[in-house]
Amino acid sequence: MLDLLLKNATLPDGRRDMSVAIQGEKIVEVAPGLTAPAHEVIDAQGLLLAPPFVDAHFHMDATLSYGLPRVNQSGTLLEGIALWGELKPSLTLEAITERALTYCDWAVGKGLLAIRSHVDTSDPRLLAVQALLEVKKRIAPYIDLQLVAFPQDGLLRAGGGGAPGARGGVDNLKRALDLGVDVVGGIPHFERTMAEGAQSVKLLCEIAAERGLLVDMHCDESDDPLSRHVESLAFEAQRLGLHGRVTGSHLTSMHSMDNYYVSKLLGLMSEAQLSVISNPCVNITLQGRHDTYPKRRGLTRVPELLACGLDVAFGQDDMMDPWYSLGCADMLDVASMGLHVAQMTSQAAMRQCFEMITTVPARIMKLEGYGLEAGCNADFVLLQARDPVEAIRLRAARLKVFRRGKLIASTPAATASLNLPGRPLQTSWMNA
């Protein structure tokens, strides 16, 4: 007898009247119209059943710290970094852990069950690293948390620059990896010079190659068209044989580059099989701050990157922290912002945006057992929508969230009761 049978579901690829059979923690069959005895049967009533949402770019160590020590008045990336630097000396393990766990509760309620979080390694105490490693253990039953060693103050810039700073930044990052952090990160555009930025990319990719790790680098989060560290990232991936294991996050300078250079750059990125993570909510806010009009959108060239066959995902990046005052752990909100800013409004493109918060980031993170096929983990979300486009449009309620075949969160359906003059009482959820 099956443990659970979901029937009459619509899947993201458009298949309807589908049944999903679960035994233990695994999906054992996905087919139309299954009939089999089960301890529990759920009728999806034609609604959308999707794999869990995945956020492949987040900063969990800073989340929910908005207003500490003060608010980012300029709204710029650099003031956010400065604020985080002011806050770091007063951070405690307990505070970082508590805020991160609170965020994870929000995430579960929104069906977000896999997160890649960058964690600051610039503080020699590695408090944030220790805190998030503890969080990773505690949330393992319900969230897959992948951590990126992130030298927020710059790998070579940390400690005042020069050889001593270089050793400090590298040593801190290596110690974080030794403690169990999963991925190598960086921020080359925040080094003191273009040359040191390129040098940091080389060092970090070599560390990843030596250790057999993935790379996810904050790269060219700038309006400067001459910030071209993604070119170095593609070169190092090619040189070291890291094809398919390297991700460039943000890449906002691409929106300011001339088309001829981009035509060359896209070929280099494709050759190295780079992945890209764009963060639409945060970069539409942070970038273009020095522009009058016309004002740049601050997003990388998402449609062009997709057209080259690259894996491109949308990330949330920040929530209620020195860089971004909003957010609620809702990846549908991120997808909505992404499709608007990137002008991906065809039916096919909007469905692609749904994939950019589910299957694509799962592929970038190399998640095992992810998906809605036989043999995959029984992790899925039942949404109050009939297809992915409607899910994004309505920010659909997550009616039921399952992890390894067990219900871990539920939300009542969003409905509106209308009592209008001259019309009978109506109940509607389509536009609630």
Protein backbone atom coordinates (compact mmCIF):
# COMPACT_ATOMS: atom_id res chain seq x y z
CA MET A 1 0.00 0.00 0.00
CA LEU A 2 1.25 3.48 -0.90
CA ASP A 3 1.87 5.98 1.85
CA LEU A 4 0.45 8.86 -0.20
CA LEU A 5 -1.29 9.30 -3.54
CA LEU A 6 -1.87 12.73 -5.07
CA LYS A 7 -4.30 12.66 -7.95
CA ASN A 8 -5.76 15.08 -10.49
CA ALA A 9 -2.73 17.40 -10.42
CA THR A 10 -1.40 19.71 -13.10
CA LEU A 11 2.40 19.63 -13.48
CA PRO A 12 4.56 22.61 -14.49
CA ASP A 13 5.23 21.13 -17.94
CA GLY A 14 1.50 21.24 -18.71
CA ARG A 15 0.58 17.62 -18.09
CA ARG A 16 -2.89 17.42 -16.52
CA ASP A 17 -4.87 14.84 -14.55
CA MET A 18 -1.60 13.47 -13.23
CA SER A 19 -1.14 11.24 -10.21
CA VAL A 20 1.97 11.08 -8.04
CA ALA A 21 2.54 7.98 -5.91
CA ILE A 22 4.75 8.20 -2.82
CA GLN A 23 6.26 5.40 -0.79
CA GLY A 24 8.34 6.44 2.19
CA GLU A 25 10.49 9.43 1.22
CA LYS A 26 10.44 8.81 -2.55
CA ILE A 27 8.19 9.27 -5.54
CA VAL A 28 7.63 5.82 -7.00
CA GLU A 29 5.40 6.65 -9.99
CA VAL A 30 4.09 9.65 -11.90
CA ALA A 31 1.35 8.85 -14.41
CA PRO A 32 -2.13 9.94 -15.44
CA GLY A 33 -5.09 8.48 -13.56
CA LEU A 34 -3.32 6.17 -11.13
CA THR A 35 -5.56 4.11 -8.88
CA ALA A 36 -3.85 2.33 -6.03
CA PRO A 37 -4.58 1.79 -2.34
CA ALA A 38 -2.90 4.41 -0.17
CA HIS A 39 -2.93 5.46 3.44
CA GLU A 40 -3.72 9.00 2.31
CA VAL A 41 -5.21 10.29 -0.94
CA ILE A 42 -5.17 13.98 -1.85
CA ASP A 43 -7.25 15.30 -4.72
CA ALA A 44 -5.37 18.26 -6.21
CA GLN A 45 -8.53 19.31 -8.10
CA GLY A 46 -6.55 20.31 -11.16
CA LEU A 47 -4.23 22.67 -9.29
CA LEU A 48 -0.50 23.03 -9.88
CA LEU A 49 1.88 20.59 -8.21
CA ALA A 50 5.47 21.80 -8.44
CA PRO A 51 8.82 20.75 -7.06
CA PRO A 52 9.92 22.99 -4.16
CA PHE A 53 11.18 26.48 -4.83
CA VAL A 54 14.95 26.93 -4.86
CA ASP A 55 16.87 30.11 -4.05
CA ALA A 56 20.42 29.79 -5.37
CA HIS A 57 21.60 33.19 -4.12
CA PHE A 58 20.93 34.49 -0.62
CA HIS A 59 22.73 36.05 2.39
CA MET A 60 21.30 34.28 5.41
CA ASP A 61 23.90 35.64 7.82
CA ALA A 62 22.58 39.18 7.28
CA THR A 63 18.86 38.48 6.96
CA LEU A 64 16.41 40.28 9.28
CA SER A 65 19.10 42.74 10.38
CA TYR A 66 17.43 45.73 8.71
CA GLY A 67 18.06 48.96 10.64
CA LEU A 68 21.16 47.61 12.41
CA PRO A 69 23.13 49.70 13.12
CA ARG A 70 21.14 52.12 10.94
CA VAL A 71 19.21 52.26 7.67
CA ASN A 72 20.90 52.42 4.25
CA GLN A 73 19.94 55.99 3.31
CA SER A 74 21.53 56.07 -0.15
CA GLY A 75 20.18 52.68 -1.17
CA THR A 76 23.53 51.79 -2.72
CA LEU A 77 25.53 48.58 -2.67
CA LEU A 78 28.54 50.31 -1.15
CA GLU A 79 26.63 51.81 1.76
CA GLY A 80 25.14 48.39 2.42
CA ILE A 81 28.63 46.88 2.57
CA ALA A 82 29.74 49.69 4.89
CA LEU A 83 26.74 49.10 7.18
CA TRP A 84 27.47 45.39 7.33
CA GLY A 85 31.06 46.23 8.26
CA GLU A 86 29.81 48.44 11.10
CA LEU A 87 27.49 45.71 12.35
CA LYS A 88 29.98 42.82 12.26
CA PRO A 89 31.88 43.65 15.49
CA SER A 90 28.64 43.42 17.49
CA LEU A 91 27.36 40.20 15.92
CA THR A 92 26.89 37.14 18.10
CA LEU A 93 26.44 33.49 17.24
CA GLU A 94 23.06 33.50 18.95
CA ALA A 95 21.73 36.52 17.03
CA ILE A 96 22.84 35.25 13.63
CA THR A 97 21.42 31.80 14.35
CA GLU A 98 18.09 33.09 15.65
CA ARG A 99 17.52 35.39 12.68
CA ALA A 100 18.48 32.66 10.21
CA LEU A 101 16.13 30.12 11.80
CA THR A 102 13.29 32.64 11.75
CA TYR A 103 13.91 33.21 8.06
CA CYS A 104 13.91 29.45 7.43
CA ASP A 105 10.47 29.21 9.03
CA TRP A 106 9.24 31.83 6.56
CA ALA A 107 10.87 29.91 3.72
CA VAL A 108 9.14 26.64 4.56
CA GLY A 109 5.77 28.36 4.60
CA LYS A 110 6.49 29.65 1.08
CA GLY A 111 7.55 26.24 -0.23
CA LEU A 112 11.23 27.25 -0.43
CA LEU A 113 13.12 24.10 0.55
CA ALA A 114 16.59 24.60 -0.95
CA ILE A 115 18.81 27.64 -0.44
CA ARG A 116 22.36 28.55 -1.39
CA SER A 117 23.57 31.17 1.06
CA HIS A 118 26.78 33.15 0.86
CA VAL A 119 28.38 33.51 4.28
CA ASP A 120 30.90 36.23 5.13
CA THR A 121 34.41 34.92 5.81
CA SER A 122 36.10 38.32 6.26
CA ASP A 123 35.71 38.31 10.05
CA PRO A 124 38.65 36.25 11.44
CA ARG A 125 36.32 34.92 14.15
CA LEU A 126 34.20 33.26 11.43
CA LEU A 127 31.12 33.81 13.62
CA ALA A 128 28.75 33.83 10.66
CA VAL A 129 30.29 30.63 9.32
CA GLN A 130 29.92 28.85 12.65
CA ALA A 131 26.35 30.07 13.03
CA LEU A 132 25.19 28.99 9.57
CA LEU A 133 26.89 25.61 9.84
CA GLU A 134 24.85 25.07 12.99
CA VAL A 135 21.72 26.29 11.22
CA LYS A 136 22.44 23.92 8.34
CA LYS A 137 22.45 20.96 10.74
CA ARG A 138 19.29 22.04 12.50
CA ILE A 139 17.22 22.62 9.35
CA ALA A 140 18.49 19.58 7.43
CA PRO A 141 15.22 17.66 7.97
CA TYR A 142 13.29 20.29 6.01
CA ILE A 143 15.66 22.58 4.02
CA ASP A 144 18.74 21.83 1.94
CA LEU A 145 21.19 24.62 2.80
CA GLN A 146 24.32 25.01 0.70
CA LEU A 147 26.91 27.50 1.97
CA VAL A 148 29.32 29.64 -0.07
CA ALA A 149 32.54 30.99 1.49
CA PHE A 150 32.21 34.68 0.67
CA PRO A 151 35.04 37.17 1.40
CA GLN A 152 32.65 40.14 1.62
CA ASP A 153 35.44 42.68 2.22
CA GLY A 154 37.45 41.39 -0.74
CA LEU A 155 39.82 38.44 -0.76
CA LEU A 156 42.93 40.61 -1.27
CA ARG A 157 41.48 43.81 0.16
CA ALA A 158 40.76 42.30 3.59
CA GLY A 159 43.05 43.46 6.36
CA GLY A 160 44.28 46.59 4.59
CA GLY A 161 45.50 45.13 1.30
CA GLY A 162 48.96 43.97 0.26
CA ALA A 163 50.51 40.63 1.13
CA PRO A 164 49.32 40.49 4.80
CA GLY A 165 45.73 41.19 3.76
CA ALA A 166 45.95 38.66 0.98
CA ARG A 167 47.07 35.97 3.38
CA GLY A 168 44.33 36.91 5.85
CA GLY A 169 41.57 36.77 3.27
CA VAL A 170 42.74 33.49 1.78
CA ASP A 171 43.36 31.91 5.17
CA ASN A 172 39.92 32.87 6.46
CA LEU A 173 38.26 31.43 3.36
CA LYS A 174 40.23 28.20 3.55
CA ARG A 175 39.39 27.81 7.24
CA ALA A 176 35.70 28.21 6.39
CA LEU A 177 36.01 25.48 3.75
CA ASP A 178 37.82 23.26 6.25
CA LEU A 179 34.90 23.71 8.67
CA GLY A 180 32.49 22.37 6.06
CA VAL A 181 31.40 25.27 3.83
CA ASP A 182 30.45 23.81 0.45
CA VAL A 183 31.26 26.33 -2.31
CA VAL A 184 34.02 28.86 -3.10
CA GLY A 185 32.85 32.46 -3.50
CA GLY A 186 34.40 35.85 -4.23
CA ILE A 187 33.78 39.50 -5.02
CA PRO A 188 36.42 40.62 -7.56
CA HIS A 189 34.78 43.97 -8.38
CA PHE A 190 35.27 45.04 -4.74
CA GLU A 191 39.02 44.51 -4.78
CA ARG A 192 41.10 47.70 -4.94
CA THR A 193 42.09 47.39 -8.60
CA MET A 194 40.98 45.53 -11.71
CA ALA A 195 44.26 43.62 -11.56
CA GLU A 196 43.67 42.45 -8.00
CA GLY A 197 40.12 41.51 -8.95
CA ALA A 198 41.44 39.27 -11.72
CA GLN A 199 44.05 37.86 -9.33
CA SER A 200 41.35 37.00 -6.79
CA VAL A 201 39.37 35.14 -9.45
CA LYS A 202 42.45 33.11 -10.33
CA LEU A 203 43.25 32.27 -6.68
CA LEU A 204 39.69 31.31 -5.83
CA CYS A 205 39.19 29.10 -8.87
CA GLU A 206 42.48 27.34 -8.13
CA ILE A 207 41.33 26.67 -4.55
CA ALA A 208 38.07 25.22 -5.89
CA ALA A 209 39.91 23.05 -8.42
CA GLU A 210 42.29 21.71 -5.77
CA ARG A 211 39.42 20.81 -3.46
CA GLY A 212 36.94 19.61 -6.07
CA LEU A 213 34.39 22.28 -5.12
CA LEU A 214 31.87 24.41 -6.98
CA VAL A 215 32.42 28.15 -7.52
CA ASP A 216 29.79 30.88 -7.14
CA MET A 217 31.25 34.37 -7.42
CA HIS A 218 29.65 37.77 -6.97
CA CYS A 219 30.85 39.22 -10.23
CA ASP A 220 30.60 42.69 -11.76
CA GLU A 221 27.76 43.90 -9.54
CA SER A 222 28.33 47.35 -10.94
CA ASP A 223 27.06 49.85 -13.50
CA ASP A 224 30.60 50.16 -14.85
CA PRO A 225 30.82 48.63 -18.36
CA LEU A 226 34.57 48.14 -17.81
CA SER A 227 33.95 45.78 -14.88
CA ARG A 228 34.64 42.58 -16.81
CA HIS A 229 35.68 40.03 -14.22
CA VAL A 230 33.24 37.51 -15.65
CA GLU A 231 35.65 37.27 -18.58
CA SER A 232 38.38 36.19 -16.13
CA LEU A 233 35.92 33.80 -14.47
CA ALA A 234 35.13 32.15 -17.80
CA PHE A 235 38.85 31.95 -18.63
CA GLU A 236 39.75 30.31 -15.31
CA ALA A 237 36.88 27.84 -15.61
CA GLN A 238 38.17 26.90 -19.04
CA ARG A 239 41.83 26.76 -17.96
CA LEU A 240 41.19 24.63 -14.89
CA GLY A 241 38.58 22.32 -16.42
CA LEU A 242 35.79 23.59 -14.18
CA HIS A 243 33.18 23.41 -16.94
CA GLY A 244 29.65 23.33 -15.53
CA ARG A 245 30.88 23.93 -11.97
CA VAL A 246 31.21 27.74 -11.97
CA THR A 247 28.50 30.34 -11.45
CA GLY A 248 28.66 34.09 -11.95
CA SER A 249 26.15 35.93 -9.79
CA HIS A 250 24.71 39.37 -10.51
CA LEU A 251 26.75 40.28 -13.67
CA THR A 252 24.94 43.63 -13.72
CA SER A 253 27.72 45.43 -15.60
CA MET A 254 26.56 43.51 -18.70
CA HIS A 255 23.58 45.88 -18.96
CA SER A 256 26.04 48.73 -19.59
CA MET A 257 28.48 46.98 -21.96
CA ASP A 258 28.46 47.59 -25.69
CA ASN A 259 26.87 44.90 -27.81
CA TYR A 260 30.04 43.97 -29.66
CA TYR A 261 31.93 43.10 -26.48
CA VAL A 262 28.93 41.20 -25.13
CA SER A 263 28.80 39.13 -28.32
CA LYS A 264 32.35 37.99 -27.55
CA LEU A 265 31.67 37.53 -23.83
CA LEU A 266 28.63 35.33 -24.38
CA GLY A 267 30.75 32.95 -26.45
CA LEU A 268 33.40 32.72 -23.73
CA MET A 269 30.77 32.05 -21.05
CA SER A 270 29.10 29.41 -23.17
CA GLU A 271 32.43 27.71 -23.89
CA ALA A 272 33.15 27.50 -20.14
CA GLN A 273 29.56 26.33 -19.40
CA LEU A 274 29.10 29.06 -16.82
CA SER A 275 25.85 29.31 -14.90
CA VAL A 276 24.34 32.69 -14.03
CA ILE A 277 22.22 33.87 -11.14
CA SER A 278 20.40 37.16 -11.52
CA ASN A 279 18.86 38.91 -8.51
CA PRO A 280 16.11 41.13 -9.91
CA CYS A 281 14.49 42.52 -6.75
CA VAL A 282 17.76 43.70 -5.25
CA ASN A 283 19.61 44.80 -8.39
CA ILE A 284 16.68 46.84 -9.74
CA THR A 285 16.95 48.62 -6.37
CA LEU A 286 20.72 48.98 -5.94
CA GLN A 287 21.87 49.67 -9.49
CA GLY A 288 21.47 52.85 -11.50
CA ARG A 289 21.71 55.01 -8.38
CA HIS A 290 24.15 57.38 -10.07
CA ASP A 291 21.98 57.75 -13.17
CA THR A 292 19.60 60.61 -13.81
CA TYR A 293 17.61 59.71 -16.93
CA PRO A 294 17.58 57.45 -18.79
CA LYS A 295 18.07 55.21 -15.76
CA ARG A 296 19.46 51.71 -16.16
CA ARG A 297 17.44 48.75 -14.88
CA GLY A 298 20.38 47.06 -13.18
CA LEU A 299 19.78 43.53 -14.43
CA THR A 300 22.09 41.34 -16.44
CA ARG A 301 21.12 40.32 -19.99
CA VAL A 302 18.89 37.42 -19.00
CA PRO A 303 17.19 36.65 -22.36
CA GLU A 304 20.49 36.80 -24.23
CA LEU A 305 22.18 34.48 -21.74
CA LEU A 306 19.29 32.03 -21.99
CA ALA A 307 19.47 32.15 -25.79
CA CYS A 308 23.09 30.98 -25.54
CA GLY A 309 21.96 27.87 -23.68
CA LEU A 310 23.34 28.93 -20.30
CA ASP A 311 21.61 27.95 -17.07
CA VAL A 312 20.18 31.20 -15.65
CA ALA A 313 18.35 31.34 -12.33
CA PHE A 314 16.69 34.08 -10.32
CA GLY A 315 17.80 34.58 -6.70
CA GLN A 316 16.36 36.55 -3.82
CA ASP A 317 19.77 37.80 -2.61
CA ASP A 318 18.62 39.74 0.46
CA MET A 319 15.68 40.15 2.77
CA MET A 320 15.34 42.91 5.37
CA ASP A 321 19.06 43.61 5.69
CA PRO A 322 21.48 46.48 4.95
CA TRP A 323 21.00 46.06 1.19
CA TYR A 324 17.26 45.44 0.87
CA SER A 325 14.45 46.43 3.23
CA LEU A 326 11.72 44.25 1.72
CA GLY A 327 11.11 40.59 0.88
CA CYS A 328 9.18 37.70 2.40
CA ALA A 329 10.99 34.53 1.23
CA ASP A 330 8.63 34.27 -1.75
CA MET A 331 10.37 33.13 -4.92
CA LEU A 332 7.22 33.84 -6.93
CA ASP A 333 7.74 37.51 -6.06
CA VAL A 334 11.32 37.23 -7.34
CA ALA A 335 10.15 35.60 -10.59
CA SER A 336 7.54 38.30 -11.09
CA MET A 337 10.11 41.07 -10.73
CA GLY A 338 12.48 39.19 -13.04
CA LEU A 339 10.00 38.73 -15.86
CA HIS A 340 8.97 42.39 -15.69
CA VAL A 341 12.47 43.85 -15.63
CA ALA A 342 13.80 41.43 -18.27
CA GLN A 343 10.63 41.93 -20.36
CA MET A 344 10.07 38.17 -20.47
CA THR A 345 6.32 38.41 -20.90
CA SER A 346 5.52 35.84 -23.58
CA GLN A 347 3.81 32.70 -22.33
CA ALA A 348 6.92 30.63 -23.00
CA ALA A 349 9.20 33.15 -21.29
CA MET A 350 6.98 33.39 -18.21
CA ARG A 351 7.02 29.62 -17.88
CA GLN A 352 10.78 29.82 -18.22
CA CYS A 353 10.82 32.27 -15.30
CA PHE A 354 9.04 29.65 -13.18
CA GLU A 355 11.77 27.16 -14.08
CA MET A 356 14.33 29.78 -13.01
CA ILE A 357 13.11 29.48 -9.40
CA THR A 358 12.72 25.69 -9.42
CA THR A 359 14.49 23.26 -11.74
CA VAL A 360 17.27 25.54 -13.02
CA PRO A 361 18.68 26.61 -9.63
CA ALA A 362 18.35 23.01 -8.49
CA ARG A 363 20.57 22.05 -11.42
CA ILE A 364 23.06 24.82 -10.62
CA MET A 365 23.26 23.65 -6.99
CA LYS A 366 23.62 20.01 -8.12
CA LEU A 367 20.73 18.96 -5.87
CA GLU A 368 20.27 15.21 -5.79
CA GLY A 369 16.80 13.68 -6.00
CA TYR A 370 15.10 16.92 -7.03
CA GLY A 371 12.09 16.83 -9.34
CA LEU A 372 8.72 15.26 -10.02
CA GLU A 373 9.74 11.94 -11.49
CA ALA A 374 9.93 8.38 -10.20
CA GLY A 375 12.96 8.00 -7.95
CA CYS A 376 13.03 11.66 -6.88
CA ASN A 377 12.57 12.77 -3.31
CA ALA A 378 8.94 13.26 -2.33
CA ASP A 379 9.33 17.03 -2.01
CA PHE A 380 6.68 19.20 -3.66
CA VAL A 381 4.32 22.12 -3.29
CA LEU A 382 0.61 22.28 -4.13
CA LEU A 383 -0.17 25.79 -5.35
CA GLN A 384 -3.48 27.60 -5.64
CA ALA A 385 -3.03 28.08 -9.36
CA ARG A 386 -3.69 26.09 -12.53
CA ASP A 387 -0.36 26.70 -14.26
CA PRO A 388 3.04 28.37 -13.65
CA VAL A 389 2.04 31.70 -15.22
CA GLU A 390 -1.00 31.96 -12.98
CA ALA A 391 1.14 31.02 -9.98
CA ILE A 392 3.45 33.97 -10.66
CA ARG A 393 0.60 36.36 -11.46
CA LEU A 394 -1.30 35.61 -8.26
CA ARG A 395 1.70 34.85 -6.00
CA ALA A 396 -0.33 31.70 -5.45
CA ALA A 397 -0.94 30.40 -1.95
CA ARG A 398 1.15 27.40 -1.02
CA LEU A 399 -1.73 25.16 0.00
CA LYS A 400 0.46 22.21 1.02
CA VAL A 401 4.23 21.81 1.30
CA PHE A 402 5.68 18.30 1.48
CA ARG A 403 9.19 17.23 2.42
CA ARG A 404 10.17 13.58 2.01
CA GLY A 405 6.51 12.62 1.77
CA LYS A 406 5.45 14.43 4.95
CA LEU A 407 3.29 17.55 5.16
CA ILE A 408 5.41 20.28 6.77
CA ALA A 409 3.40 23.43 6.00
CA SER A 410 -0.04 24.45 4.81
CA THR A 411 -1.78 27.72 3.98
CA PRO A 412 -5.53 28.31 3.65
CA ALA A 413 -6.75 29.08 0.16
CA ALA A 414 -6.89 32.78 -0.66
CA THR A 415 -10.53 33.66 -1.26
CA ALA A 416 -12.58 36.82 -1.44
CA SER A 417 -16.27 36.88 -0.53
CA LEU A 418 -18.13 39.45 -2.61
CA ASN A 419 -21.42 40.89 -1.37
CA LEU A 420 -22.26 43.38 -4.11
CA PRO A 421 -25.51 45.34 -4.55
CA GLY A 422 -27.87 43.68 -6.96
CA ARG A 423 -25.75 40.52 -7.32
CA PRO A 424 -25.81 37.21 -5.44
CA LEU A 425 -23.12 36.41 -2.86
CA GLN A 426 -19.99 35.18 -4.65
CA THR A 427 -16.74 33.61 -3.58
CA SER A 428 -13.69 34.03 -5.80
CA TRP A 429 -9.98 33.18 -5.52
CA MET A 430 -8.82 33.87 -9.07
CA ASN A 431 -7.99 37.49 -8.32
CA ALA A 432 -7.85 37.37 -4.54
